[in-house]
Protein backbone atom coordinates (compact mmCIF):
# COMPACT_ATOMS: atom_id res chain seq x y z
CA MET A 1 0.00 0.00 0.00
CA VAL A 2 1.27 3.46 -0.90
CA LEU A 3 0.79 6.67 1.00
CA THR A 4 0.38 9.86 -0.99
CA ARG A 5 -1.15 13.26 -0.45
CA GLN A 6 -4.43 14.66 -1.61
CA SER A 7 -5.25 18.32 -2.09
CA SER A 8 -8.46 18.27 -0.05
CA SER A 9 -11.65 16.39 0.54
CA ARG A 10 -13.52 19.34 -0.95
CA ASP A 11 -14.90 19.38 -4.46
CA PRO A 12 -12.82 22.04 -6.25
CA GLU A 13 -15.76 22.74 -8.56
CA LYS A 14 -17.90 23.95 -5.65
CA PHE A 15 -17.62 27.20 -3.78
CA PRO A 16 -15.72 26.53 -0.49
CA THR A 17 -18.47 27.95 1.71
CA VAL A 18 -17.67 26.05 4.91
CA GLN A 19 -13.93 26.69 4.87
CA LEU A 20 -14.34 30.37 4.04
CA PHE A 21 -16.89 30.65 6.85
CA LEU A 22 -14.37 29.15 9.30
CA LEU A 23 -11.67 31.43 7.97
CA ALA A 24 -14.04 34.38 8.45
CA ILE A 25 -14.54 33.37 12.12
CA VAL A 26 -10.78 33.44 12.63
CA ARG A 27 -10.57 36.73 10.78
CA LEU A 28 -13.44 38.37 12.66
CA ALA A 29 -11.82 38.08 16.08
CA GLU A 30 -8.76 40.01 14.94
CA PRO A 31 -10.30 43.38 13.95
CA ILE A 32 -12.47 43.20 17.06
CA ALA A 33 -9.35 42.82 19.18
CA LEU A 34 -7.34 45.47 17.33
CA THR A 35 -10.00 48.20 17.22
CA SER A 36 -11.43 47.72 20.72
CA ILE A 37 -8.61 49.90 22.10
CA PHE A 38 -9.55 52.95 20.02
CA PRO A 39 -12.26 54.37 22.33
CA TYR A 40 -10.17 54.11 25.51
CA ALA A 41 -6.58 54.55 24.29
CA TRP A 42 -6.58 58.22 25.30
CA PRO A 43 -7.99 57.79 28.85
CA LEU A 44 -5.75 54.73 29.30
CA VAL A 45 -2.66 56.83 28.63
CA LYS A 46 -3.95 59.63 30.86
CA LYS A 47 -4.29 57.08 33.67
CA PHE A 48 -0.56 56.34 33.39
CA HIS A 49 0.31 60.03 34.04
CA VAL A 50 3.00 60.15 31.37
CA GLY A 51 4.32 63.68 31.13
CA ASP A 52 1.76 66.47 30.98
CA GLU A 53 -1.90 65.54 30.70
CA SER A 54 -1.94 67.36 27.38
CA ASP A 55 0.69 64.88 26.10
CA ALA A 56 -1.78 62.00 26.35
CA SER A 57 -2.88 62.27 22.72
CA PHE A 58 0.73 61.86 21.55
CA TYR A 59 1.34 58.76 23.68
CA ALA A 60 -2.04 57.35 22.66
CA GLY A 61 -0.82 57.63 19.08
CA LEU A 62 2.34 55.72 19.99
CA LEU A 63 0.24 53.03 21.67
CA ILE A 64 -1.92 52.52 18.59
CA SER A 65 0.91 52.71 16.06
CA ALA A 66 3.16 50.26 17.95
CA PHE A 67 1.18 47.33 16.58
CA ALA A 68 1.40 48.54 12.97
CA LEU A 69 5.15 49.20 13.23
CA ALA A 70 5.90 45.74 14.61
CA GLU A 71 3.58 44.10 12.08
CA SER A 72 5.25 45.85 9.14
CA LEU A 73 8.66 44.54 10.26
CA THR A 74 7.67 40.87 10.57
CA GLY A 75 4.95 40.39 7.94
CA MET A 76 7.32 38.99 5.32
CA PHE A 77 8.86 36.59 7.88
CA TRP A 78 5.50 35.04 8.77
CA GLY A 79 4.59 34.73 5.09
CA GLY A 80 7.84 32.90 4.40
CA LEU A 81 7.36 30.67 7.44
CA SER A 82 3.88 29.70 6.23
CA ASP A 83 5.50 28.51 2.99
CA ARG A 84 7.67 26.11 5.00
CA VAL A 85 5.43 24.90 7.85
CA GLY A 86 1.94 25.54 6.46
CA ARG A 87 -0.68 28.28 6.67
CA LYS A 88 -2.68 26.93 9.58
CA PRO A 89 0.07 26.93 12.27
CA VAL A 90 1.10 30.48 11.41
CA LEU A 91 -2.53 31.63 11.42
CA LEU A 92 -3.18 30.14 14.86
CA MET A 93 0.12 31.56 16.13
CA GLY A 94 -1.03 35.00 15.04
CA CYS A 95 -4.28 34.66 16.98
CA ALA A 96 -2.39 33.43 20.07
CA GLY A 97 0.01 36.37 19.79
CA THR A 98 -2.88 38.81 19.64
CA MET A 99 -4.39 37.17 22.75
CA LEU A 100 -1.12 37.62 24.64
CA SER A 101 -0.96 41.23 23.49
CA MET A 102 -4.44 42.04 24.76
CA ILE A 103 -3.89 40.42 28.14
CA MET A 104 -0.67 42.42 28.59
CA VAL A 105 -2.43 45.67 27.72
CA GLY A 106 -5.31 44.82 30.08
CA PHE A 107 -2.96 44.23 33.01
CA ALA A 108 -0.56 47.07 32.11
CA SER A 109 0.34 49.32 35.03
CA ASN A 110 2.40 51.79 32.98
CA ILE A 111 2.79 53.00 29.42
CA TRP A 112 5.84 50.81 28.74
CA VAL A 113 4.06 47.54 29.52
CA ALA A 114 1.14 48.62 27.33
CA LEU A 115 3.51 49.56 24.48
CA ALA A 116 5.33 46.24 24.85
CA GLY A 117 2.02 44.39 24.72
CA ARG A 118 0.96 46.15 21.53
CA ALA A 119 4.38 45.61 19.93
CA ILE A 120 4.41 41.90 20.83
CA GLY A 121 0.99 41.55 19.24
CA GLY A 122 2.30 43.07 16.01
CA VAL A 123 5.46 40.96 16.02
CA LEU A 124 3.54 37.70 16.46
CA ASN A 125 0.77 38.53 14.00
CA GLY A 126 1.20 37.89 10.28
CA ASN A 127 -2.39 36.92 9.61
CA ILE A 128 -3.25 39.47 6.92
CA GLY A 129 -0.95 37.96 4.31
CA VAL A 130 -1.59 34.37 5.43
CA ILE A 131 -5.36 34.76 5.20
CA GLN A 132 -5.10 36.27 1.72
CA THR A 133 -2.97 33.29 0.69
CA MET A 134 -5.44 30.80 2.16
CA VAL A 135 -8.31 32.40 0.26
CA ALA A 136 -6.29 32.12 -2.95
CA GLU A 137 -5.58 28.43 -2.29
CA LEU A 138 -9.18 27.64 -1.32
CA VAL A 139 -10.66 29.23 -4.45
CA THR A 140 -9.60 27.37 -7.57
CA LYS A 141 -12.26 28.57 -10.03
CA PRO A 142 -11.97 32.12 -11.43
CA GLU A 143 -15.73 32.64 -11.32
CA HIS A 144 -15.66 32.12 -7.55
CA GLU A 145 -12.97 34.76 -6.93
CA PRO A 146 -15.13 37.93 -6.81
CA ARG A 147 -17.44 36.46 -4.17
CA ALA A 148 -14.59 34.93 -2.17
CA TYR A 149 -12.36 38.01 -2.12
CA SER A 150 -15.24 40.20 -0.94
CA ILE A 151 -15.77 38.15 2.23
CA MET A 152 -12.69 39.18 4.21
CA PRO A 153 -13.10 42.97 3.74
CA PHE A 154 -16.72 42.55 4.81
CA VAL A 155 -15.63 40.62 7.90
CA TRP A 156 -13.04 43.26 8.71
CA SER A 157 -15.66 46.02 8.51
CA LEU A 158 -17.94 43.98 10.74
CA GLY A 159 -15.12 43.63 13.26
CA THR A 160 -14.52 47.39 13.26
CA ILE A 161 -18.16 47.79 14.29
CA LEU A 162 -18.05 45.29 17.13
CA GLY A 163 -14.55 46.16 18.41
CA PRO A 164 -15.15 49.80 19.39
CA ALA A 165 -18.53 48.82 20.83
CA ILE A 166 -16.87 46.30 23.16
CA GLY A 167 -14.05 48.67 24.06
CA GLY A 168 -16.31 51.65 24.69
CA THR A 169 -19.00 49.73 26.58
CA PHE A 170 -16.83 47.68 28.92
CA ALA A 171 -13.93 50.06 29.53
CA ASP A 172 -13.68 51.11 33.19
CA PRO A 173 -16.66 48.93 34.26
CA SER A 174 -16.47 50.04 37.90
CA THR A 175 -17.59 53.49 36.71
CA SER A 176 -20.01 52.36 34.01
CA PHE A 177 -21.56 49.51 36.04
CA PRO A 178 -20.92 50.42 39.71
CA ASN A 179 -23.55 47.99 40.98
CA THR A 180 -21.79 45.06 39.33
CA PHE A 181 -18.09 45.94 39.52
CA SER A 182 -16.42 47.30 42.64
CA ARG A 183 -13.67 49.90 42.54
CA ASP A 184 -11.69 47.75 44.98
CA GLY A 185 -11.95 44.63 42.83
CA LEU A 186 -9.85 43.37 39.93
CA PHE A 187 -11.59 45.52 37.32
CA GLY A 188 -11.33 48.55 39.58
CA ARG A 189 -7.54 48.16 39.78
CA PHE A 190 -7.31 47.36 36.07
CA PRO A 191 -10.14 49.40 34.52
CA TYR A 192 -9.36 48.39 30.92
CA LEU A 193 -8.90 44.67 31.55
CA LEU A 194 -12.51 43.61 30.92
CA PRO A 195 -12.74 44.58 27.20
CA ASN A 196 -9.37 42.90 26.62
CA LEU A 197 -10.54 39.70 28.32
CA LEU A 198 -13.73 39.67 26.24
CA CYS A 199 -11.77 40.08 23.02
CA SER A 200 -9.29 37.42 24.15
CA SER A 201 -12.16 34.99 24.67
CA LEU A 202 -13.30 35.62 21.09
CA LEU A 203 -9.76 34.94 19.89
CA LEU A 204 -9.75 31.68 21.88
CA VAL A 205 -12.95 30.61 20.12
CA SER A 206 -11.36 31.39 16.75
CA ILE A 207 -8.24 29.39 17.68
CA LEU A 208 -10.31 26.35 18.65
CA ALA A 209 -12.45 26.59 15.52
CA GLY A 210 -9.37 26.95 13.35
CA TYR A 211 -7.48 24.11 15.00
CA PHE A 212 -10.26 21.52 14.84
CA LEU A 213 -12.20 22.50 11.72
CA LEU A 214 -10.08 24.61 9.38
CA GLU A 215 -8.23 22.72 6.65
CA GLU A 216 -4.59 23.28 5.80
CA THR A 217 -4.45 24.85 2.34
CA HIS A 218 -0.73 24.66 1.58
CA PRO A 219 -0.38 22.23 -1.38
CA ASP A 220 2.58 20.42 0.21
CA MET A 221 0.91 20.03 3.62
CA GLN A 222 -2.17 18.02 2.65
CA PRO A 223 -3.19 14.90 4.61
CA ARG A 224 -2.00 11.51 3.36
CA VAL A 225 -4.41 8.99 1.90
CA LEU A 226 -4.08 5.34 0.91
CA LEU A 227 -3.70 4.29 -2.71
CA PRO A 228 -3.79 0.75 -4.11
CA ASP A 229 -0.64 -1.38 -3.93
CA ASP A 230 -0.27 -1.40 -7.70
CA THR A 231 -0.01 2.38 -7.86
CA TYR A 232 3.21 3.33 -9.64
CA VAL A 233 5.37 5.59 -7.49
CA SER A 234 8.84 6.90 -8.27
CA ASP A 235 11.06 9.78 -7.31
CA GLU A 236 9.50 11.77 -10.11
CA THR A 237 5.95 11.14 -8.90
CA PRO A 238 4.49 14.40 -7.59
CA LEU A 239 3.46 14.33 -3.94
CA VAL A 240 0.61 16.74 -4.48
CA ALA A 241 -2.46 16.19 -6.61
CA THR A 242 -4.12 19.48 -7.33
CA ALA A 243 -6.95 20.64 -9.52
CA ASP A 244 -4.29 21.75 -12.00
CA ALA A 245 -2.64 18.34 -12.23
CA ILE A 246 -4.65 17.27 -15.27
CA LYS A 247 -3.67 20.38 -17.20
CA THR A 248 -1.04 20.35 -19.90
CA PRO A 249 1.63 21.36 -19.34
CA ALA A 250 1.74 20.22 -15.71
CA VAL A 251 1.88 22.88 -13.01
CA ASP A 252 5.17 23.32 -11.22
CA LEU A 253 4.24 23.90 -7.58
CA ARG A 254 7.66 25.41 -6.94
CA ALA A 255 7.05 28.22 -9.40
CA ASP A 256 6.62 31.70 -7.92
CA THR A 257 3.53 32.28 -10.03
CA TYR A 258 1.70 29.09 -9.02
CA GLY A 259 -1.96 29.73 -8.36
CA THR A 260 -1.74 33.48 -8.89
CA PHE A 261 -3.60 33.92 -12.17
CA GLU A 262 -4.34 30.34 -13.15
CA GLY A 263 -7.55 30.09 -15.08
CA SER A 264 -7.74 33.76 -15.93
CA ASP A 265 -9.52 34.70 -19.14
CA ASP A 266 -6.98 37.40 -19.84
CA SER A 267 -4.61 35.83 -22.35
CA LYS A 268 -2.07 38.60 -21.93
CA TRP A 269 -1.62 37.78 -18.24
CA ARG A 270 -1.25 34.07 -19.06
CA HIS A 271 1.22 34.83 -21.84
CA ALA A 272 3.27 36.98 -19.49
CA THR A 273 3.93 34.09 -17.11
CA GLU A 274 5.52 32.11 -19.91
CA LYS A 275 8.25 34.69 -20.49
CA SER A 276 11.56 34.43 -18.70
CA ARG A 277 12.67 38.04 -18.39
CA THR A 278 11.77 40.02 -15.30
CA PRO A 279 9.87 43.25 -15.94
CA LYS A 280 10.71 46.57 -14.44
CA ILE A 281 8.90 47.03 -11.13
CA PHE A 282 9.57 50.68 -10.32
CA THR A 283 7.80 52.27 -13.25
CA LYS A 284 6.73 55.89 -12.89
CA ARG A 285 3.08 54.91 -12.69
CA ILE A 286 3.60 52.27 -9.99
CA VAL A 287 5.76 54.56 -7.88
CA ALA A 288 3.20 57.37 -8.20
CA LEU A 289 0.35 55.06 -7.18
CA ILE A 290 2.25 53.71 -4.16
CA ILE A 291 3.00 57.30 -3.10
CA ALA A 292 -0.71 58.07 -3.48
CA LEU A 293 -1.57 55.02 -1.36
CA GLY A 294 0.92 56.12 1.29
CA ILE A 295 -0.50 59.66 1.41
CA PHE A 296 -4.04 58.31 1.67
CA THR A 297 -3.09 55.81 4.38
CA TYR A 298 -1.39 58.53 6.39
CA HIS A 299 -4.22 61.05 6.52
CA SER A 300 -6.85 58.30 6.86
CA MET A 301 -5.04 56.92 9.91
CA THR A 302 -4.79 60.40 11.45
CA TYR A 303 -8.58 60.64 11.22
CA ASP A 304 -9.06 57.30 12.96
CA HIS A 305 -6.67 58.36 15.71
CA LEU A 306 -7.96 61.90 16.21
CA LEU A 307 -11.66 61.05 16.15
CA PRO A 308 -12.01 59.45 19.63
CA ILE A 309 -9.62 61.99 21.17
CA PHE A 310 -11.59 64.92 19.78
CA LEU A 311 -14.92 63.39 20.79
CA GLU A 312 -13.76 62.71 24.37
CA ASP A 313 -11.70 65.86 24.97
CA ALA A 314 -13.37 68.35 27.30
CA ARG A 315 -15.10 71.32 25.73
CA GLY A 316 -13.48 74.73 25.98
CA GLU A 317 -14.94 77.18 28.48
CA PRO A 318 -17.74 79.12 26.76
CA ASN A 319 -17.41 82.90 27.01
CA ILE A 320 -18.34 85.99 25.05
CA SER A 321 -14.98 86.08 23.29
CA SER A 322 -15.24 82.45 22.14
CA LEU A 323 -18.80 82.97 20.90
CA THR A 324 -17.69 86.03 18.97
CA GLN A 325 -14.77 84.24 17.37
CA ALA A 326 -16.94 81.22 16.51
CA ALA A 327 -19.58 83.51 15.01
CA ILE A 328 -17.13 85.06 12.60
CA GLY A 329 -15.85 81.60 11.66
CA ASN A 330 -12.28 82.07 12.86
CA PRO A 331 -10.66 78.79 11.76
CA PHE A 332 -7.83 79.29 14.25
CA PHE A 333 -10.12 79.15 17.27
CA SER A 334 -11.22 75.68 18.28
CA PRO A 335 -10.89 75.10 22.04
CA GLY A 336 -11.11 71.51 23.22
CA GLY A 337 -13.32 68.76 21.88
CA LEU A 338 -16.90 67.62 22.39
CA GLY A 339 -16.67 66.20 25.93
CA LEU A 340 -18.41 62.87 25.24
CA SER A 341 -18.05 59.78 27.43
CA VAL A 342 -16.03 56.73 26.41
CA GLN A 343 -19.25 54.72 26.15
CA LYS A 344 -20.85 57.23 23.76
CA VAL A 345 -17.70 57.30 21.66
CA GLY A 346 -17.78 53.50 21.41
CA VAL A 347 -21.35 53.65 20.12
CA ILE A 348 -20.49 56.41 17.64
CA MET A 349 -17.52 54.48 16.29
CA SER A 350 -19.64 51.36 15.91
CA ILE A 351 -22.25 53.28 13.93
CA ASN A 352 -19.37 54.71 11.93
CA GLY A 353 -18.50 51.11 11.03
CA VAL A 354 -22.07 50.51 9.87
CA ILE A 355 -21.86 53.58 7.63
CA ALA A 356 -18.56 52.31 6.22
CA LEU A 357 -20.07 48.88 5.59
CA PHE A 358 -22.97 50.43 3.67
CA VAL A 359 -20.63 52.56 1.55
CA GLN A 360 -18.44 49.54 0.80
CA ALA A 361 -21.29 47.20 -0.14
CA VAL A 362 -23.72 49.56 -1.85
CA VAL A 363 -22.19 52.91 -2.79
CA PHE A 364 -18.84 51.76 -4.18
CA PRO A 365 -20.19 49.58 -7.04
CA ILE A 366 -22.59 52.34 -8.07
CA ALA A 367 -19.92 55.06 -7.92
CA ALA A 368 -17.40 52.97 -9.84
CA GLU A 369 -19.96 52.20 -12.52
CA THR A 370 -20.99 55.83 -12.79
CA PHE A 371 -17.59 57.54 -12.85
CA GLY A 372 -15.09 54.83 -13.77
CA ILE A 373 -12.05 53.90 -11.72
CA HIS A 374 -9.66 56.68 -12.71
CA ARG A 375 -12.20 59.51 -12.57
CA LEU A 376 -13.47 58.26 -9.22
CA PHE A 377 -9.90 58.30 -7.92
CA ILE A 378 -9.46 61.93 -8.99
CA LEU A 379 -12.84 62.91 -7.51
CA VAL A 380 -12.29 61.44 -4.04
CA SER A 381 -8.71 62.77 -3.94
CA VAL A 382 -9.85 66.32 -4.66
CA LEU A 383 -12.71 66.22 -2.16
CA HIS A 384 -10.83 64.45 0.65
CA PRO A 385 -9.53 67.60 2.44
CA ILE A 386 -13.14 68.58 3.15
CA ALA A 387 -13.52 65.61 5.53
CA TYR A 388 -10.84 67.11 7.80
CA ILE A 389 -11.62 70.81 7.47
CA ILE A 390 -15.19 70.44 8.75
CA MET A 391 -14.34 68.48 11.91
CA PRO A 392 -13.21 71.36 14.22
CA TYR A 393 -16.47 73.22 13.60
CA LEU A 394 -18.39 70.52 15.51
CA ALA A 395 -17.20 72.22 18.70
CA HIS A 396 -19.15 75.34 17.72
CA LEU A 397 -22.48 73.58 17.16
CA PRO A 398 -25.29 73.86 19.72
CA PRO A 399 -25.47 70.73 21.94
CA SER A 400 -28.77 69.70 20.34
CA LEU A 401 -27.15 69.52 16.90
CA VAL A 402 -23.82 67.93 17.83
CA VAL A 403 -24.96 64.34 17.21
CA TYR A 404 -26.33 65.21 13.78
CA GLY A 405 -23.13 67.07 12.96
CA ILE A 406 -20.98 64.09 14.01
CA TYR A 407 -22.82 61.64 11.79
CA THR A 408 -22.82 64.06 8.88
CA CYS A 409 -19.04 64.40 9.15
CA LEU A 410 -18.61 60.63 9.47
CA THR A 411 -20.78 60.01 6.40
CA ILE A 412 -18.75 62.46 4.31
CA ARG A 413 -15.51 60.93 5.48
CA ASN A 414 -16.63 57.36 4.80
CA LEU A 415 -17.89 58.23 1.33
CA LEU A 416 -14.43 59.53 0.45
CA SER A 417 -12.26 57.06 2.37
CA ILE A 418 -14.08 53.81 1.57
CA LEU A 419 -14.19 54.72 -2.12
CA ALA A 420 -10.52 55.68 -2.29
CA TYR A 421 -8.90 52.50 -0.97
CA PRO A 422 -10.28 49.87 -3.39
CA VAL A 423 -9.84 52.28 -6.30
CA LEU A 424 -6.14 52.60 -5.44
CA LEU A 425 -5.72 48.82 -5.22
CA ILE A 426 -7.37 48.35 -8.61
CA LEU A 427 -5.15 51.02 -10.19
CA ILE A 428 -2.03 49.40 -8.71
CA LYS A 429 -3.05 46.01 -10.10
CA GLU A 430 -3.75 47.59 -13.49
CA ALA A 431 -0.34 49.27 -13.53
CA THR A 432 1.49 46.03 -12.70
CA PRO A 433 3.50 45.07 -15.83
CA SER A 434 3.20 41.34 -15.19
CA PRO A 435 1.66 38.84 -12.74
CA CYS A 436 5.19 37.64 -12.03
CA VAL A 437 5.79 40.76 -9.93
CA LEU A 438 2.29 41.45 -8.63
CA GLY A 439 3.13 39.97 -5.23
CA LYS A 440 6.26 42.08 -4.90
CA ILE A 441 4.41 45.24 -5.85
CA ASN A 442 1.55 44.49 -3.46
CA GLY A 443 4.12 43.78 -0.75
CA LEU A 444 5.81 47.10 -1.41
CA ALA A 445 2.46 48.88 -1.25
CA ALA A 446 1.59 47.10 2.02
CA SER A 447 4.94 48.09 3.53
CA ALA A 448 4.44 51.70 2.50
CA GLY A 449 0.96 51.69 4.03
CA ALA A 450 2.20 50.12 7.27
CA ALA A 451 4.98 52.69 7.55
CA CYS A 452 2.52 55.55 7.11
CA ARG A 453 0.13 54.00 9.65
CA THR A 454 3.03 53.90 12.09
CA VAL A 455 3.97 57.55 11.65
CA ALA A 456 0.47 59.04 11.46
CA PRO A 457 -0.88 58.58 15.03
CA PRO A 458 2.06 60.11 16.95
CA VAL A 459 2.35 63.03 14.52
CA ALA A 460 -1.39 63.73 14.68
CA GLY A 461 -1.33 63.33 18.46
CA TYR A 462 1.56 65.75 18.76
CA LEU A 463 -0.23 68.36 16.63
CA TYR A 464 -3.35 67.93 18.75
CA THR A 465 -1.29 68.44 21.92
CA VAL A 466 0.33 71.60 20.55
CA GLY A 467 -3.00 72.90 19.31
CA SER A 468 -4.81 72.26 22.59
CA ARG A 469 -2.29 74.48 24.39
CA MET A 470 -3.24 77.34 22.05
CA ASP A 471 -7.04 76.77 22.04
CA PHE A 472 -6.50 75.48 18.52
CA THR A 473 -7.28 71.74 18.51
CA GLY A 474 -8.17 72.19 14.86
CA LEU A 475 -4.41 72.30 14.14
CA ALA A 476 -4.26 68.50 13.88
CA TRP A 477 -7.31 68.35 11.61
CA TYR A 478 -5.96 71.11 9.34
CA GLY A 479 -2.61 69.31 9.24
CA SER A 480 -4.38 66.21 7.91
CA ALA A 481 -6.28 68.38 5.42
CA PHE A 482 -2.94 69.77 4.22
CA VAL A 483 -1.57 66.26 3.60
CA ALA A 484 -4.82 65.31 1.83
CA SER A 485 -4.42 68.40 -0.36
CA ILE A 486 -0.95 67.22 -1.35
CA GLY A 487 -2.53 63.90 -2.28
CA ALA A 488 -5.12 65.72 -4.39
CA MET A 489 -2.43 67.53 -6.35
CA GLN A 490 -0.34 64.38 -6.69
CA ALA A 491 -3.34 62.51 -8.12
CA PHE A 492 -3.24 64.68 -11.25
CA THR A 493 0.32 63.49 -11.95
CA ILE A 494 -0.96 59.93 -12.47
CA LYS A 495 -1.93 59.84 -16.12
CA ARG A 496 -4.70 57.73 -17.58
CA MET A 497 -3.55 54.57 -19.29
CA ARG A 498 -4.31 54.24 -22.98
CA ASN A 499 -6.82 51.50 -22.32
CA GLN A 500 -8.51 53.37 -19.45
CA ILE A 501 -11.63 54.17 -21.47
CA GLU A 502 -12.05 50.51 -22.38
CA GLU A 503 -11.47 49.53 -18.76
CA GLU A 504 -14.12 51.93 -17.52
CA GLN A 505 -16.55 50.57 -20.10
CA ARG A 506 -15.81 47.03 -18.93
CA TRP A 507 -16.47 48.11 -15.33
CA ARG A 508 -19.89 49.39 -16.36
CA ASN A 509 -20.73 46.06 -17.95
CA GLU A 510 -19.65 43.83 -15.07
CA VAL A 511 -20.30 43.77 -11.35
CA VAL A 512 -16.64 43.12 -10.62
CA PRO A 513 -13.97 44.60 -12.92
CA ARG A 514 -11.59 42.29 -14.72
CA VAL A 515 -8.50 44.45 -14.93
CA VAL A 516 -6.56 44.31 -18.18
CA VAL A 517 -3.01 45.35 -18.86
CA SER A 518 -2.08 48.15 -21.22
CA ASP A 519 -0.47 47.14 -24.48
CA SER A 520 2.38 49.44 -23.59
CA ASP A 521 3.30 47.39 -20.54
CA GLU A 522 6.21 45.01 -20.62
CA ASP A 523 5.80 41.28 -20.11
CA CYS A 524 8.05 39.08 -18.07
């Protein structure tokens, strides 16, 4: 009897609903855990009494960005490790690392322990790239790809709704629920432990579900099955039987391009993989698009960081002078924030996630069909500074209108931000000269985004600290508007490709665009 490997017990012709559902469970716990800190990061840092109280926004930015910095440094390592030991162990390790991170932050007694906890979570977490790889290996039919690749962004958006709700609701429970939690008890001494424990329990559920039910997708790590004794086996016999094994020529599983564009209807992409020469990666268009992605990631992250701080910061003292300056619309007068509680901020950020989910699922396809990818990119880039300029004026609204003003600002921001990100990814894929280098270019773009996410929170927090000392908290918002304005000008330097009109027409005719490569691009 001969032992060999099989690719999976699943039927490759069917949509992998069960496995993608299990992968979504694992994925869901992560954004919940990562975003639950947003509503209470500022009061957590203030509790540690680091420097002046006005410095809390800067250190809160460091606390949030520590995870992104560590993750950007180790993402490629975890991806390489998953190639050697399998996707599933690395995925579960990432969840366990995030659990450890949250427990450390919950029990932190000073800023350094909290920073170490966040950094350890980023170092041990390489799940973003691993999950994308598992989706690619689970989905073998091109017609299944649009539905499959839309699941994980949806799950992430859902997690960003639940995470802030958990963090805002259960932070400092001895104050929020004094009849249930005593100030002298465990959660009184560690007021931000409870939301971290709740998120850790969700991560534990995802680890158990992944360990017992999720299949390994790495082609070389499939379970062994029995074959008849008369099965011919030699050193040349492949150990892996995949859906591509019956194709001619046979698929080389060691090839860098395995599984990337197999089955695509675009003959130019298929033809490109058959060439031997490596195309130029740093073309002017690719560099310009990665710069645009970095600029967008920076000012988008500043918004996410500044929003809870501005909502929770105490209002400035009302007086005749402030009313006069507000009445004349002095943009350089914006004392304090809105003075909302952590619990209210958690609810607002959760509703903000619902708005983002609606824009992603409903508005984006309509907008892309109406304007086309390139024109939509120009439109959202030009309008993006508005999302930041209007925020400081919320402090001047009457209390009865503040809630309406908040949700109006959040809707405007989500319309611009949620539309911009997928458009940039599509443009980067379109500009890629060959599928042979698509992974490298996407990796470069991810590294640029992670670097900008690392820098944005402390810079925005520092500007908010400086501005609050001058009754000018709008300084941080106007700083983000300035960066967004640079992005708007830079967008006009990215020229339309010669086939852009055809691409936009194709987008109008299909629900999901099939991106084609310009005839001017080089093949590999």
